């Protein structure tokens, strides 16, 4: 596997609609490979982080997220309408 392949797989996983948490194992599976011992994971993790979007998903806000508390409670959803 090349650095270029790893980066492409990490970007594709992060851009996917499934909200996959990108791990070294997920990158291997996306490339159709299986790790032998996991010793290379320590080298793959920084590549995954380098390819991560500027805004981590934990800090994003949207219709289902409250900026103060994270995911909205059922009461907050009821109060909206």
Protein backbone atom coordinates (compact mmCIF):
# COMPACT_ATOMS: atom_id res chain seq x y z
CA UNK A 1 0.00 0.00 0.00
CA UNK A 2 1.23 3.43 -0.82
CA UNK A 3 0.82 6.70 1.05
CA UNK A 4 -1.32 7.93 -1.84
CA UNK A 5 -3.67 4.92 -1.57
CA UNK A 6 -4.00 5.33 2.20
CA UNK A 7 -4.82 9.05 1.88
CA UNK A 8 -7.38 8.44 -0.87
CA UNK A 9 -9.12 5.71 1.14
CA UNK A 10 -9.19 7.91 4.28
CA UNK A 11 -10.70 10.83 2.33
CA UNK A 12 -13.31 8.60 0.70
CA UNK A 13 -14.35 7.11 4.04
CA UNK A 14 -14.61 10.55 5.68
CA UNK A 15 -16.67 11.89 2.78
CA UNK A 16 -19.08 8.96 2.82
CA UNK A 17 -22.71 9.37 3.90
CA UNK A 18 -22.48 6.63 6.54
CA UNK A 19 -20.68 8.71 9.18
CA UNK A 20 -17.96 6.08 9.48
CA UNK A 21 -15.29 6.66 12.10
CA UNK A 22 -12.12 6.26 10.10
CA UNK A 23 -9.77 3.79 11.73
CA UNK A 24 -6.73 2.01 10.33
CA UNK A 25 -8.85 -1.14 10.07
CA UNK A 26 -11.51 0.70 8.07
CA UNK A 27 -8.83 2.02 5.70
CA UNK A 28 -7.47 -1.50 5.20
CA UNK A 29 -10.96 -2.84 4.47
CA UNK A 30 -11.64 0.00 2.01
CA UNK A 31 -8.50 -1.04 0.15
CA UNK A 32 -9.47 -4.72 0.21
CA UNK A 33 -6.55 -5.59 2.50
CA UNK A 34 -6.16 -7.24 5.90
CA UNK A 35 -3.55 -6.16 8.42
CA UNK A 36 -1.17 -8.91 9.48
CA UNK A 37 -0.19 -7.66 12.92
CA UNK A 38 -1.35 -4.03 13.22
CA UNK A 39 2.19 -2.79 13.73
CA UNK A 40 1.74 -0.22 10.95
CA UNK A 41 -1.38 1.32 12.55
CA UNK A 42 0.77 3.85 14.39
CA UNK A 43 1.97 5.14 11.02
CA UNK A 44 -1.48 5.13 9.44
CA UNK A 45 -3.24 7.11 12.20
CA UNK A 46 -1.35 10.38 11.42
CA UNK A 47 -2.23 9.99 7.73
CA UNK A 48 -5.91 9.64 8.65
CA UNK A 49 -5.70 12.76 10.82
CA UNK A 50 -3.94 14.74 8.08
CA UNK A 51 -6.77 13.90 5.68
CA UNK A 52 -9.50 14.81 8.18
CA UNK A 53 -11.74 17.78 7.34
CA UNK A 54 -10.92 21.11 8.98
CA UNK A 55 -14.04 20.99 11.16
CA UNK A 56 -14.22 17.83 13.26
CA UNK A 57 -17.66 16.26 13.44
CA UNK A 58 -17.69 16.70 17.22
CA UNK A 59 -17.83 20.49 16.82
CA UNK A 60 -20.33 20.67 13.97
CA UNK A 61 -23.79 21.97 14.68
CA UNK A 62 -26.91 21.26 12.73
CA UNK A 63 -30.63 20.69 13.13
CA UNK A 64 -30.10 17.72 15.44
CA UNK A 65 -27.32 19.29 17.53
CA UNK A 66 -27.39 21.85 20.30
CA UNK A 67 -24.19 23.97 20.39
CA UNK A 68 -24.16 23.88 24.21
CA UNK A 69 -25.00 20.27 24.95
CA UNK A 70 -24.42 18.21 21.80
CA UNK A 71 -27.35 16.15 20.52
CA UNK A 72 -30.72 17.67 21.28
CA UNK A 73 -32.89 16.03 23.87
CA UNK A 74 -36.40 14.88 23.02
CA UNK A 75 -37.72 17.82 25.11
CA UNK A 76 -35.70 20.33 23.05
CA UNK A 77 -37.11 18.77 19.85
CA UNK A 78 -40.68 19.05 21.23
CA UNK A 79 -40.15 22.71 22.16
CA UNK A 80 -39.16 23.51 18.57
CA UNK A 81 -42.53 22.72 17.19
